[in-house]
Amino acid sequence: MSTYQQSLAGNNSALLQGWRAILRDSVTEVFSMMVGVEICVPQPPNPPVVREVTGLVGLAGELCGVLSVQCAKSCASKIASRMLCVPVAEAASHMNDAIGEICNMVAGSFKAKIDGMEDKCMLSVPTVVIGGDYQIFSLAVGERIELPFLFEGESVWIGLEVRN
């Protein structure tokens, strides 16, 4: 069992709080760099979760789990539009690639910010799920961090589920 898994098994809330801050920083940096906008934490803090597009990236090695990005199709199209510098209507056909890439970059940034983790954790190829009525279930027993953000007035939820 890795050091991180032992810490999680001990229900180390300080570790999870630190990871929450690292994840928040990773999301804001990736959106700033790739999308060209500042993504913000909403007030009140819990906007509705709209699960029409979900990007998923698996983490394996010292740190095992899944990182997810969830938003509405309209939001995913706006993200693709900003990334590609094209009108939203034109970008809609690229929303899968955009959400997959955002998810992949957030996961990569997150693991790179954890001391010693960059070379001890591999990322899967991103998977994107599209639809209006689905739920995601992980078979791993562990901890979950969920962070809400607002992008151009629409909610984006970032989730990190880590196996202990």
Protein backbone atom coordinates (compact mmCIF):
# COMPACT_ATOMS: atom_id res chain seq x y z
CA MET A 1 0.00 0.00 0.00
CA SER A 2 1.42 3.42 -0.98
CA THR A 3 2.01 6.28 1.45
CA TYR A 4 -0.95 8.13 -0.06
CA GLN A 5 -3.22 5.11 0.22
CA GLN A 6 -2.15 4.60 3.86
CA SER A 7 -2.93 8.27 4.59
CA LEU A 8 -6.36 7.92 2.98
CA ALA A 9 -7.05 4.65 4.80
CA GLY A 10 -6.37 6.55 8.02
CA ASN A 11 -9.02 9.07 6.90
CA ASN A 12 -6.50 11.90 6.84
CA SER A 13 -8.72 14.98 6.49
CA ALA A 14 -5.66 17.29 6.34
CA LEU A 15 -4.42 15.39 3.27
CA LEU A 16 -7.82 15.70 1.59
CA GLN A 17 -8.06 19.42 2.40
CA GLY A 18 -4.61 19.90 0.88
CA TRP A 19 -5.67 17.98 -2.22
CA ARG A 20 -8.86 20.07 -2.44
CA ALA A 21 -6.71 23.23 -2.61
CA ILE A 22 -4.33 21.64 -5.14
CA LEU A 23 -7.28 20.54 -7.30
CA ARG A 24 -8.81 24.04 -7.14
CA ASP A 25 -5.48 25.57 -8.21
CA SER A 26 -5.11 23.05 -11.04
CA VAL A 27 -8.59 23.82 -12.40
CA THR A 28 -8.09 27.59 -12.32
CA GLU A 29 -4.66 27.32 -13.98
CA VAL A 30 -5.87 24.99 -16.74
CA PHE A 31 -8.90 27.14 -17.53
CA SER A 32 -6.77 30.27 -17.56
CA MET A 33 -4.15 28.73 -19.86
CA MET A 34 -6.31 26.59 -22.18
CA VAL A 35 -9.63 28.43 -22.23
CA GLY A 36 -8.34 31.94 -21.63
CA VAL A 37 -10.76 32.81 -18.84
CA GLU A 38 -10.82 32.90 -15.09
CA ILE A 39 -13.17 30.23 -13.80
CA CYS A 40 -14.64 31.18 -10.44
CA VAL A 41 -16.01 29.53 -7.32
CA PRO A 42 -19.77 30.22 -7.23
CA GLN A 43 -21.69 32.10 -4.55
CA PRO A 44 -23.77 30.39 -3.18
CA PRO A 45 -21.32 27.49 -3.31
CA ASN A 46 -23.54 24.74 -4.74
CA PRO A 47 -24.87 25.47 -8.23
CA PRO A 48 -26.95 22.73 -9.84
CA VAL A 49 -25.11 19.77 -11.30
CA VAL A 50 -25.97 19.41 -14.97
CA ARG A 51 -24.74 16.04 -16.21
CA GLU A 52 -24.95 16.26 -19.98
CA VAL A 53 -21.23 15.96 -20.69
CA THR A 54 -18.75 14.18 -18.44
CA GLY A 55 -15.05 13.81 -19.05
CA LEU A 56 -13.24 11.06 -17.12
CA VAL A 57 -9.53 10.35 -16.66
CA GLY A 58 -8.29 7.40 -14.63
CA LEU A 59 -5.29 7.60 -12.31
CA ALA A 60 -3.21 4.48 -11.66
CA GLY A 61 -0.08 3.74 -9.66
CA GLU A 62 0.70 5.26 -6.24
CA LEU A 63 -2.51 7.25 -6.60
CA CYS A 64 -5.52 5.35 -7.97
CA GLY A 65 -8.81 6.93 -8.83
CA VAL A 66 -10.83 8.93 -11.33
CA LEU A 67 -10.98 12.63 -12.10
CA SER A 68 -14.18 13.94 -13.71
CA VAL A 69 -15.40 17.16 -15.31
CA GLN A 70 -19.19 17.55 -15.60
CA CYS A 71 -21.19 20.29 -17.30
CA ALA A 72 -24.07 21.05 -19.66
CA LYS A 73 -23.66 20.67 -23.43
CA SER A 74 -24.00 24.43 -23.84
CA CYS A 75 -21.14 24.94 -21.39
CA ALA A 76 -18.96 22.32 -23.11
CA SER A 77 -19.58 24.07 -26.44
CA LYS A 78 -18.56 27.43 -24.94
CA ILE A 79 -15.39 25.85 -23.54
CA ALA A 80 -14.55 24.38 -26.98
CA SER A 81 -15.31 27.75 -28.59
CA ARG A 82 -12.86 29.55 -26.30
CA MET A 83 -10.17 26.88 -26.73
CA LEU A 84 -10.41 26.91 -30.53
CA CYS A 85 -11.21 30.64 -30.98
CA VAL A 86 -14.24 29.82 -33.15
CA PRO A 87 -17.97 30.62 -32.80
CA VAL A 88 -19.95 28.44 -30.38
CA ALA A 89 -22.04 26.90 -33.19
CA GLU A 90 -18.88 25.78 -34.96
CA ALA A 91 -17.27 24.54 -31.72
CA ALA A 92 -20.19 22.31 -30.68
CA SER A 93 -18.84 19.41 -32.75
CA HIS A 94 -15.55 19.65 -30.83
CA MET A 95 -16.97 19.69 -27.28
CA ASN A 96 -16.02 16.04 -26.63
CA ASP A 97 -12.37 16.69 -27.46
CA ALA A 98 -12.36 19.94 -25.44
CA ILE A 99 -13.83 18.38 -22.28
CA GLY A 100 -11.55 15.34 -22.59
CA GLU A 101 -8.50 17.59 -22.93
CA ILE A 102 -9.53 19.83 -20.01
CA CYS A 103 -10.05 16.73 -17.85
CA ASN A 104 -6.68 15.30 -18.90
CA MET A 105 -4.83 18.56 -18.22
CA VAL A 106 -6.46 19.05 -14.80
CA ALA A 107 -5.53 15.47 -13.84
CA GLY A 108 -1.95 15.98 -15.06
CA SER A 109 -1.61 19.31 -13.26
CA PHE A 110 -3.05 17.83 -10.06
CA LYS A 111 -0.65 14.87 -9.92
CA ALA A 112 2.32 17.09 -10.83
CA LYS A 113 1.60 19.33 -7.81
CA ILE A 114 1.73 16.43 -5.33
CA ASP A 115 5.30 15.85 -4.12
CA GLY A 116 6.86 12.83 -5.79
CA MET A 117 3.68 11.80 -7.61
CA GLU A 118 4.41 12.94 -11.17
CA ASP A 119 6.38 9.79 -12.10
CA LYS A 120 4.45 7.39 -9.84
CA CYS A 121 0.97 7.91 -11.27
CA MET A 122 -0.19 7.25 -14.82
CA LEU A 123 -3.22 8.79 -16.52
CA SER A 124 -5.64 6.98 -18.79
CA VAL A 125 -6.80 8.29 -22.13
CA PRO A 126 -9.79 10.59 -21.47
CA THR A 127 -13.30 9.20 -21.88
CA VAL A 128 -16.27 11.47 -22.54
CA VAL A 129 -19.87 10.49 -21.80
CA ILE A 130 -22.72 12.44 -23.43
CA GLY A 131 -26.36 12.19 -22.42
CA GLY A 132 -29.08 13.60 -20.25
CA ASP A 133 -29.79 10.88 -17.74
CA TYR A 134 -26.86 8.99 -16.26
CA GLN A 135 -24.96 8.58 -13.04
CA ILE A 136 -21.34 7.64 -12.48
CA PHE A 137 -20.46 4.93 -9.96
CA SER A 138 -16.95 3.97 -8.98
CA LEU A 139 -16.29 0.48 -7.67
CA ALA A 140 -13.34 1.75 -5.67
CA VAL A 141 -13.85 2.44 -1.99
CA GLY A 142 -12.26 5.73 -1.11
CA GLU A 143 -12.63 9.45 -0.74
CA ARG A 144 -14.37 11.92 -3.05
CA ILE A 145 -13.65 15.60 -3.52
CA GLU A 146 -16.18 17.67 -5.47
CA LEU A 147 -15.60 21.28 -6.44
CA PRO A 148 -18.14 23.54 -8.15
CA PHE A 149 -17.08 26.33 -10.51
CA LEU A 150 -18.83 28.82 -12.77
CA PHE A 151 -17.78 29.32 -16.37
CA GLU A 152 -19.61 32.12 -18.17
CA GLY A 153 -22.57 31.69 -15.81
CA GLU A 154 -22.82 27.90 -16.14
CA SER A 155 -21.81 25.30 -13.57
CA VAL A 156 -18.81 23.03 -14.03
CA TRP A 157 -18.25 20.34 -11.41
CA ILE A 158 -14.84 18.78 -10.91
CA GLY A 159 -14.71 15.49 -9.04
CA LEU A 160 -11.78 13.46 -7.75
CA GLU A 161 -12.45 10.01 -6.42
CA VAL A 162 -9.40 8.34 -4.89
CA ARG A 163 -9.18 4.73 -3.80
CA ASN A 164 -7.74 3.99 -0.39
